[in-house]
Amino acid sequence: MSSHPPADAPSTLRSTLLTACLALVFGFLGAAAWSYSGLADNRTRSFLLGNPDLLPQMAQAYEEQEAAKRLAQMGDEVFAPFPGAVLGNPKGKRVLVEFTDYNCPYCEASLKDVNRLIAEDPELKVVIREWPIFEGSEPVSRMALAAGMQGKYRAFHDAMFATGDVDAAAKAAGLDMARAQADAASEAVSAEIARNLDHARALGFTGTPAWIAGTKPFGGAVGYDKLKAALAAASVAG
């Protein structure tokens, strides 16, 4: 399995954000330092050198803030699952959206965190958005959606991450293969994959896994604690 998503200009975006944040830091801190001592350049430089993690944190916060604004403009479509493509309680009151790719090792690593959250919360609905961005992933995503149409998405999803083989996963899930192959090639599945790509681009996601909890979109294999905290914050806000 590949370990890097295809380039979608994420490094350029990150560089632009870091440059913008750097300008802001120099502007605000420099102005403050100048007003107190006239040593704006030296104070700002010392501050940044002493806090090298500040700029990436600011860039990440800015990305998440802008993604939240875009999410607010998108409506509820991104929270509506493709038929069957849900983990946990399909009627659950708490919703986590995951954009995933079966050839993404970080998605595989996140599976245990998602399963733990589901096991702990009977009201959790995890809406899966198939986003095949790695080479060779689209046929697998199509089969997963076809499995959802047979009510066997979870079985295929878990088996695919466990085996890494689409035929073995389909067999383990007990799919009707003739129907699954027809459904995988259907316009409904093609439209869903295209829709997920549009959603991901609109939210500024550059790789998998990517998440939405409440009104907060964020990316990366962030781990159980951050996912749980995001869901808790969404429940309070809701």
C-alpha atoms as a PDB file:
ATOM      1  CA  MET A   1       0.000   0.000   0.000  1.00  0.00           C
ATOM      2  CA  SER A   2       1.157   3.526  -0.795  1.00  0.00           C
ATOM      3  CA  SER A   3       1.731   5.803   2.154  1.00  0.00           C
ATOM      4  CA  HIS A   4       1.241   9.191   0.507  1.00  0.00           C
ATOM      5  CA  PRO A   5      -1.862  10.720  -1.085  1.00  0.00           C
ATOM      6  CA  PRO A   6      -1.579  12.103  -4.602  1.00  0.00           C
ATOM      7  CA  ALA A   7      -0.389  15.664  -4.832  1.00  0.00           C
ATOM      8  CA  ASP A   8      -3.227  18.161  -4.817  1.00  0.00           C
ATOM      9  CA  ALA A   9      -1.027  21.176  -4.170  1.00  0.00           C
ATOM     10  CA  PRO A  10      -1.104  20.655  -0.377  1.00  0.00           C
ATOM     11  CA  SER A  11       2.505  21.745   0.008  1.00  0.00           C
ATOM     12  CA  THR A  12       1.791  24.943  -1.909  1.00  0.00           C
ATOM     13  CA  LEU A  13      -1.268  25.626   0.226  1.00  0.00           C
ATOM     14  CA  ARG A  14       0.661  24.947   3.415  1.00  0.00           C
ATOM     15  CA  SER A  15       3.505  27.191   2.287  1.00  0.00           C
ATOM     16  CA  THR A  16       1.076  29.996   1.474  1.00  0.00           C
ATOM     17  CA  LEU A  17      -0.619  29.684   4.844  1.00  0.00           C
ATOM     18  CA  LEU A  18       2.660  29.630   6.706  1.00  0.00           C
ATOM     19  CA  THR A  19       3.796  32.733   4.844  1.00  0.00           C
ATOM     20  CA  ALA A  20       0.549  34.489   5.722  1.00  0.00           C
ATOM     21  CA  CYS A  21       0.835  33.453   9.361  1.00  0.00           C
ATOM     22  CA  LEU A  22       4.442  34.600   9.456  1.00  0.00           C
ATOM     23  CA  ALA A  23       3.396  37.999   8.155  1.00  0.00           C
ATOM     24  CA  LEU A  24       0.682  38.224  10.804  1.00  0.00           C
ATOM     25  CA  VAL A  25       3.050  37.238  13.592  1.00  0.00           C
ATOM     26  CA  PHE A  26       5.639  39.775  12.499  1.00  0.00           C
ATOM     27  CA  GLY A  27       2.945  42.378  12.115  1.00  0.00           C
ATOM     28  CA  PHE A  28       1.233  41.959  15.487  1.00  0.00           C
ATOM     29  CA  LEU A  29       4.195  40.976  17.594  1.00  0.00           C
ATOM     30  CA  GLY A  30       6.465  43.430  15.866  1.00  0.00           C
ATOM     31  CA  ALA A  31       4.040  46.293  16.445  1.00  0.00           C
ATOM     32  CA  ALA A  32       3.643  45.368  20.086  1.00  0.00           C
ATOM     33  CA  ALA A  33       7.368  45.019  20.646  1.00  0.00           C
ATOM     34  CA  TRP A  34       8.095  48.270  18.847  1.00  0.00           C
ATOM     35  CA  SER A  35       5.605  50.150  20.937  1.00  0.00           C
ATOM     36  CA  TYR A  36       7.254  48.947  24.128  1.00  0.00           C
ATOM     37  CA  SER A  37      10.914  49.009  23.318  1.00  0.00           C
ATOM     38  CA  GLY A  38      11.682  49.903  19.727  1.00  0.00           C
ATOM     39  CA  LEU A  39      13.223  46.446  19.247  1.00  0.00           C
ATOM     40  CA  ALA A  40      10.466  44.934  17.114  1.00  0.00           C
ATOM     41  CA  ASP A  41      12.662  42.885  14.801  1.00  0.00           C
ATOM     42  CA  ASN A  42      14.808  41.347  17.535  1.00  0.00           C
ATOM     43  CA  ARG A  43      11.893  40.587  19.854  1.00  0.00           C
ATOM     44  CA  THR A  44       9.781  39.033  17.092  1.00  0.00           C
ATOM     45  CA  ARG A  45      12.720  37.007  15.821  1.00  0.00           C
ATOM     46  CA  SER A  46      13.502  35.752  19.321  1.00  0.00           C
ATOM     47  CA  PHE A  47       9.875  34.861  19.931  1.00  0.00           C
ATOM     48  CA  LEU A  48       9.600  32.855  16.723  1.00  0.00           C
ATOM     49  CA  LEU A  49      12.895  31.072  17.284  1.00  0.00           C
ATOM     50  CA  GLY A  50      11.753  30.177  20.778  1.00  0.00           C
ATOM     51  CA  ASN A  51       8.369  28.927  19.542  1.00  0.00           C
ATOM     52  CA  PRO A  52       9.021  27.096  16.253  1.00  0.00           C
ATOM     53  CA  ASP A  53       5.760  25.148  16.461  1.00  0.00           C
ATOM     54  CA  LEU A  54       3.641  28.315  16.442  1.00  0.00           C
ATOM     55  CA  LEU A  55       3.415  28.799  12.689  1.00  0.00           C
ATOM     56  CA  PRO A  56       2.265  25.245  11.807  1.00  0.00           C
ATOM     57  CA  GLN A  57      -0.320  25.483  14.594  1.00  0.00           C
ATOM     58  CA  MET A  58      -1.575  28.790  13.248  1.00  0.00           C
ATOM     59  CA  ALA A  59      -1.731  27.391   9.715  1.00  0.00           C
ATOM     60  CA  GLN A  60      -3.712  24.364  10.891  1.00  0.00           C
ATOM     61  CA  ALA A  61      -6.098  26.525  12.897  1.00  0.00           C
ATOM     62  CA  TYR A  62      -6.613  28.770   9.889  1.00  0.00           C
ATOM     63  CA  GLU A  63      -7.302  25.801   7.598  1.00  0.00           C
ATOM     64  CA  GLU A  64      -9.872  24.384  10.021  1.00  0.00           C
ATOM     65  CA  GLN A  65     -11.534  27.774  10.461  1.00  0.00           C
ATOM     66  CA  GLU A  66     -11.898  28.250   6.712  1.00  0.00           C
ATOM     67  CA  ALA A  67     -13.172  24.676   6.266  1.00  0.00           C
ATOM     68  CA  ALA A  68     -15.830  25.293   8.915  1.00  0.00           C
ATOM     69  CA  LYS A  69     -17.004  28.362   7.007  1.00  0.00           C
ATOM     70  CA  ARG A  70     -17.274  26.362   3.791  1.00  0.00           C
ATOM     71  CA  LEU A  71     -19.120  23.545   5.566  1.00  0.00           C
ATOM     72  CA  ALA A  72     -21.706  26.020   6.833  1.00  0.00           C
ATOM     73  CA  GLN A  73     -22.416  26.980   3.222  1.00  0.00           C
ATOM     74  CA  MET A  74     -22.788  23.385   1.985  1.00  0.00           C
ATOM     75  CA  GLY A  75     -26.019  22.374   3.688  1.00  0.00           C
ATOM     76  CA  ASP A  76     -26.811  18.880   4.949  1.00  0.00           C
ATOM     77  CA  GLU A  77     -25.923  16.800   1.883  1.00  0.00           C
ATOM     78  CA  VAL A  78     -22.483  15.846   3.183  1.00  0.00           C
ATOM     79  CA  PHE A  79     -24.120  14.293   6.272  1.00  0.00           C
ATOM     80  CA  ALA A  80     -26.556  12.161   4.225  1.00  0.00           C
ATOM     81  CA  PRO A  81     -25.034   8.701   3.662  1.00  0.00           C
ATOM     82  CA  PHE A  82     -25.069   6.705   0.472  1.00  0.00           C
ATOM     83  CA  PRO A  83     -27.499   3.813   1.030  1.00  0.00           C
ATOM     84  CA  GLY A  84     -25.917   1.422   3.530  1.00  0.00           C
ATOM     85  CA  ALA A  85     -22.568   3.240   3.793  1.00  0.00           C
ATOM     86  CA  VAL A  86     -22.842   3.728   7.544  1.00  0.00           C
ATOM     87  CA  LEU A  87     -21.058   2.267  10.552  1.00  0.00           C
ATOM     88  CA  GLY A  88     -22.572   2.193  14.007  1.00  0.00           C
ATOM     89  CA  ASN A  89     -26.204   3.164  14.537  1.00  0.00           C
ATOM     90  CA  PRO A  90     -27.848   4.237  11.231  1.00  0.00           C
ATOM     91  CA  LYS A  91     -30.338   6.285  13.253  1.00  0.00           C
ATOM     92  CA  GLY A  92     -27.844   7.604  15.793  1.00  0.00           C
ATOM     93  CA  LYS A  93     -28.141  11.173  17.071  1.00  0.00           C
ATOM     94  CA  ARG A  94     -24.392  11.833  17.052  1.00  0.00           C
ATOM     95  CA  VAL A  95     -22.768  11.901  13.625  1.00  0.00           C
ATOM     96  CA  LEU A  96     -19.173  11.535  12.529  1.00  0.00           C
ATOM     97  CA  VAL A  97     -18.366  11.781   8.815  1.00  0.00           C
ATOM     98  CA  GLU A  98     -15.234  10.051   7.539  1.00  0.00           C
ATOM     99  CA  PHE A  99     -13.671  10.457   4.095  1.00  0.00           C
ATOM    100  CA  THR A 100     -11.656   7.312   3.527  1.00  0.00           C
ATOM    101  CA  ASP A 101      -9.580   5.298   1.035  1.00  0.00           C
ATOM    102  CA  TYR A 102      -8.824   1.583   1.404  1.00  0.00           C
ATOM    103  CA  ASN A 103      -5.239   2.027   0.210  1.00  0.00           C
ATOM    104  CA  CYS A 104      -4.547   4.668   2.849  1.00  0.00           C
ATOM    105  CA  PRO A 105      -2.538   3.271   5.780  1.00  0.00           C
ATOM    106  CA  TYR A 106      -3.694   6.129   7.997  1.00  0.00           C
ATOM    107  CA  CYS A 107      -7.322   5.184   7.334  1.00  0.00           C
ATOM    108  CA  GLU A 108      -6.496   1.615   8.284  1.00  0.00           C
ATOM    109  CA  ALA A 109      -4.797   2.847  11.466  1.00  0.00           C
ATOM    110  CA  SER A 110      -7.873   4.934  12.305  1.00  0.00           C
ATOM    111  CA  LEU A 111     -10.253   1.987  12.011  1.00  0.00           C
ATOM    112  CA  LYS A 112      -9.600   0.847  15.575  1.00  0.00           C
ATOM    113  CA  ASP A 113     -10.381   4.344  16.856  1.00  0.00           C
ATOM    114  CA  VAL A 114     -13.668   4.477  14.970  1.00  0.00           C
ATOM    115  CA  ASN A 115     -14.643   1.002  16.139  1.00  0.00           C
ATOM    116  CA  ARG A 116     -13.838   1.967  19.734  1.00  0.00           C
ATOM    117  CA  LEU A 117     -16.039   5.057  19.492  1.00  0.00           C
ATOM    118  CA  ILE A 118     -18.882   2.969  18.059  1.00  0.00           C
ATOM    119  CA  ALA A 119     -18.548   0.371  20.800  1.00  0.00           C
ATOM    120  CA  GLU A 120     -18.707   3.067  23.489  1.00  0.00           C
ATOM    121  CA  ASP A 121     -21.596   5.080  22.055  1.00  0.00           C
ATOM    122  CA  PRO A 122     -24.783   3.363  20.847  1.00  0.00           C
ATOM    123  CA  GLU A 123     -25.987   6.725  19.483  1.00  0.00           C
ATOM    124  CA  LEU A 124     -23.029   7.207  17.136  1.00  0.00           C
ATOM    125  CA  LYS A 125     -23.616   7.136  13.383  1.00  0.00           C
ATOM    126  CA  VAL A 126     -20.467   7.141  11.246  1.00  0.00           C
ATOM    127  CA  VAL A 127     -21.211   8.262   7.702  1.00  0.00           C
ATOM    128  CA  ILE A 128     -18.542   6.947   5.346  1.00  0.00           C
ATOM    129  CA  ARG A 129     -17.702   8.979   2.275  1.00  0.00           C
ATOM    130  CA  GLU A 130     -15.722   6.838  -0.161  1.00  0.00           C
ATOM    131  CA  TRP A 131     -12.964   9.052  -1.552  1.00  0.00           C
ATOM    132  CA  PRO A 132     -10.620   6.928  -3.700  1.00  0.00           C
ATOM    133  CA  ILE A 133      -7.576   9.153  -4.160  1.00  0.00           C
ATOM    134  CA  PHE A 134      -4.860   6.476  -4.198  1.00  0.00           C
ATOM    135  CA  GLU A 135      -3.920   4.569  -7.327  1.00  0.00           C
ATOM    136  CA  GLY A 136      -6.120   1.504  -7.794  1.00  0.00           C
ATOM    137  CA  SER A 137      -8.613   2.496  -5.086  1.00  0.00           C
ATOM    138  CA  GLU A 138     -11.652   3.353  -7.178  1.00  0.00           C
ATOM    139  CA  PRO A 139     -12.694  -0.255  -7.984  1.00  0.00           C
ATOM    140  CA  VAL A 140     -12.515  -1.046  -4.256  1.00  0.00           C
ATOM    141  CA  SER A 141     -14.599   1.977  -3.309  1.00  0.00           C
ATOM    142  CA  ARG A 142     -17.145   1.007  -5.947  1.00  0.00           C
ATOM    143  CA  MET A 143     -17.393  -2.512  -4.508  1.00  0.00           C
ATOM    144  CA  ALA A 144     -17.767  -1.088  -0.998  1.00  0.00           C
ATOM    145  CA  LEU A 145     -20.706   1.044  -2.113  1.00  0.00           C
ATOM    146  CA  ALA A 146     -22.165  -1.965  -3.886  1.00  0.00           C
ATOM    147  CA  ALA A 147     -21.861  -3.858  -0.607  1.00  0.00           C
ATOM    148  CA  GLY A 148     -23.753  -1.026   1.062  1.00  0.00           C
ATOM    149  CA  MET A 149     -26.578  -1.499  -1.424  1.00  0.00           C
ATOM    150  CA  GLN A 150     -26.827  -5.107  -0.196  1.00  0.00           C
ATOM    151  CA  GLY A 151     -26.788  -4.046   3.452  1.00  0.00           C
ATOM    152  CA  LYS A 152     -23.296  -5.488   3.946  1.00  0.00           C
ATOM    153  CA  TYR A 153     -21.117  -2.397   4.024  1.00  0.00           C
ATOM    154  CA  ARG A 154     -19.658  -2.936   7.486  1.00  0.00           C
ATOM    155  CA  ALA A 155     -18.712  -6.524   6.719  1.00  0.00           C
ATOM    156  CA  PHE A 156     -16.950  -5.531   3.501  1.00  0.00           C
ATOM    157  CA  HIS A 157     -15.326  -2.459   5.078  1.00  0.00           C
ATOM    158  CA  ASP A 158     -13.731  -4.408   7.907  1.00  0.00           C
ATOM    159  CA  ALA A 159     -12.741  -7.355   5.682  1.00  0.00           C
ATOM    160  CA  MET A 160     -11.138  -5.080   3.105  1.00  0.00           C
ATOM    161  CA  PHE A 161      -8.906  -3.389   5.663  1.00  0.00           C
ATOM    162  CA  ALA A 162      -8.096  -6.783   7.193  1.00  0.00           C
ATOM    163  CA  THR A 163      -7.226  -8.589   3.951  1.00  0.00           C
ATOM    164  CA  GLY A 164      -6.296  -5.855   1.484  1.00  0.00           C
ATOM    165  CA  ASP A 165      -7.921  -7.955  -1.238  1.00  0.00           C
ATOM    166  CA  VAL A 166     -11.222  -6.926  -2.809  1.00  0.00           C
ATOM    167  CA  ASP A 167     -12.239 -10.445  -3.865  1.00  0.00           C
ATOM    168  CA  ALA A 168     -11.494 -11.885  -0.435  1.00  0.00           C
ATOM    169  CA  ALA A 169     -13.371  -9.027   1.230  1.00  0.00           C
ATOM    170  CA  ALA A 170     -16.401  -9.507  -1.031  1.00  0.00           C
ATOM    171  CA  LYS A 171     -16.419 -13.220  -0.249  1.00  0.00           C
ATOM    172  CA  ALA A 172     -16.048 -12.601   3.480  1.00  0.00           C
ATOM    173  CA  ALA A 173     -18.953 -10.152   3.370  1.00  0.00           C
ATOM    174  CA  GLY A 174     -21.126 -12.701   1.557  1.00  0.00           C
ATOM    175  CA  LEU A 175     -21.923 -10.474  -1.393  1.00  0.00           C
ATOM    176  CA  ASP A 176     -24.089 -11.517  -4.306  1.00  0.00           C
ATOM    177  CA  MET A 177     -21.273 -10.972  -6.787  1.00  0.00           C
ATOM    178  CA  ALA A 178     -23.354 -10.656  -9.942  1.00  0.00           C
ATOM    179  CA  ARG A 179     -25.451  -7.952  -8.336  1.00  0.00           C
ATOM    180  CA  ALA A 180     -22.413  -6.323  -6.714  1.00  0.00           C
ATOM    181  CA  GLN A 181     -20.535  -6.036  -9.989  1.00  0.00           C
ATOM    182  CA  ALA A 182     -23.554  -4.467 -11.675  1.00  0.00           C
ATOM    183  CA  ASP A 183     -24.101  -2.043  -8.799  1.00  0.00           C
ATOM    184  CA  ALA A 184     -20.406  -1.126  -8.663  1.00  0.00           C
ATOM    185  CA  ALA A 185     -20.596   0.004 -12.283  1.00  0.00           C
ATOM    186  CA  SER A 186     -23.881   1.860 -11.813  1.00  0.00           C
ATOM    187  CA  GLU A 187     -24.510   5.556 -12.324  1.00  0.00           C
ATOM    188  CA  ALA A 188     -25.567   5.849  -8.675  1.00  0.00           C
ATOM    189  CA  VAL A 189     -22.125   4.722  -7.489  1.00  0.00           C
ATOM    190  CA  SER A 190     -20.327   6.923 -10.035  1.00  0.00           C
ATOM    191  CA  ALA A 191     -22.363   9.912  -8.878  1.00  0.00           C
ATOM    192  CA  GLU A 192     -21.553   9.211  -5.223  1.00  0.00           C
ATOM    193  CA  ILE A 193     -17.809   9.058  -5.841  1.00  0.00           C
ATOM    194  CA  ALA A 194     -17.931  12.292  -7.852  1.00  0.00           C
ATOM    195  CA  ARG A 195     -20.020  13.939  -5.122  1.00  0.00           C
ATOM    196  CA  ASN A 196     -17.527  12.929  -2.441  1.00  0.00           C
ATOM    197  CA  LEU A 197     -14.685  14.408  -4.462  1.00  0.00           C
ATOM    198  CA  ASP A 198     -16.625  17.667  -4.742  1.00  0.00           C
ATOM    199  CA  HIS A 199     -17.322  17.689  -0.997  1.00  0.00           C
ATOM    200  CA  ALA A 200     -13.666  17.041  -0.155  1.00  0.00           C
ATOM    201  CA  ARG A 201     -12.440  19.794  -2.456  1.00  0.00           C
ATOM    202  CA  ALA A 202     -15.033  22.239  -1.144  1.00  0.00           C
ATOM    203  CA  LEU A 203     -13.845  21.582   2.401  1.00  0.00           C
ATOM    204  CA  GLY A 204     -10.193  21.958   1.463  1.00  0.00           C
ATOM    205  CA  PHE A 205      -9.258  18.377   2.353  1.00  0.00           C
ATOM    206  CA  THR A 206      -5.982  17.259   0.795  1.00  0.00           C
ATOM    207  CA  GLY A 207      -5.843  13.629   1.914  1.00  0.00           C
ATOM    208  CA  THR A 208      -7.422  10.803   3.845  1.00  0.00           C
ATOM    209  CA  PRO A 209      -8.663  10.246   6.436  1.00  0.00           C
ATOM    210  CA  ALA A 210     -10.652  13.442   6.798  1.00  0.00           C
ATOM    211  CA  TRP A 211     -13.497  14.053   9.223  1.00  0.00           C
ATOM    212  CA  ILE A 212     -16.494  16.163  10.106  1.00  0.00           C
ATOM    213  CA  ALA A 213     -17.818  16.249  13.672  1.00  0.00           C
ATOM    214  CA  GLY A 214     -20.656  18.687  14.099  1.00  0.00           C
ATOM    215  CA  THR A 215     -19.550  21.879  12.359  1.00  0.00           C
ATOM    216  CA  LYS A 216     -15.840  21.052  12.572  1.00  0.00           C
ATOM    217  CA  PRO A 217     -14.028  19.573   9.544  1.00  0.00           C
ATOM    218  CA  PHE A 218     -10.458  18.377  10.098  1.00  0.00           C
ATOM    219  CA  GLY A 219      -7.979  16.023   8.497  1.00  0.00           C
ATOM    220  CA  GLY A 220      -5.501  13.349   9.439  1.00  0.00           C
ATOM    221  CA  ALA A 221      -5.152  10.231  11.558  1.00  0.00           C
ATOM    222  CA  VAL A 222      -5.789  12.288  14.672  1.00  0.00           C
ATOM    223  CA  GLY A 223      -6.430   9.384  17.042  1.00  0.00           C
ATOM    224  CA  TYR A 224      -9.186   8.333  19.410  1.00  0.00           C
ATOM    225  CA  ASP A 225      -8.845  11.196  21.891  1.00  0.00           C
ATOM    226  CA  LYS A 226      -9.236  13.992  19.338  1.00  0.00           C
ATOM    227  CA  LEU A 227     -12.141  12.232  17.606  1.00  0.00           C
ATOM    228  CA  LYS A 228     -13.935  11.752  20.909  1.00  0.00           C
ATOM    229  CA  ALA A 229     -13.276  15.343  21.948  1.00  0.00           C
ATOM    230  CA  ALA A 230     -14.590  16.639  18.611  1.00  0.00           C
ATOM    231  CA  LEU A 231     -17.782  14.607  19.001  1.00  0.00           C
ATOM    232  CA  ALA A 232     -18.213  15.816  22.570  1.00  0.00           C
ATOM    233  CA  ALA A 233     -17.765  19.429  21.484  1.00  0.00           C
ATOM    234  CA  ALA A 234     -20.279  18.894  18.674  1.00  0.00           C
ATOM    235  CA  SER A 235     -22.823  17.499  21.162  1.00  0.00           C
ATOM    236  CA  VAL A 236     -22.426  20.519  23.442  1.00  0.00           C
ATOM    237  CA  ALA A 237     -22.689  22.936  20.523  1.00  0.00           C
ATOM    238  CA  GLY A 238     -25.732  21.107  19.165  1.00  0.00           C
END
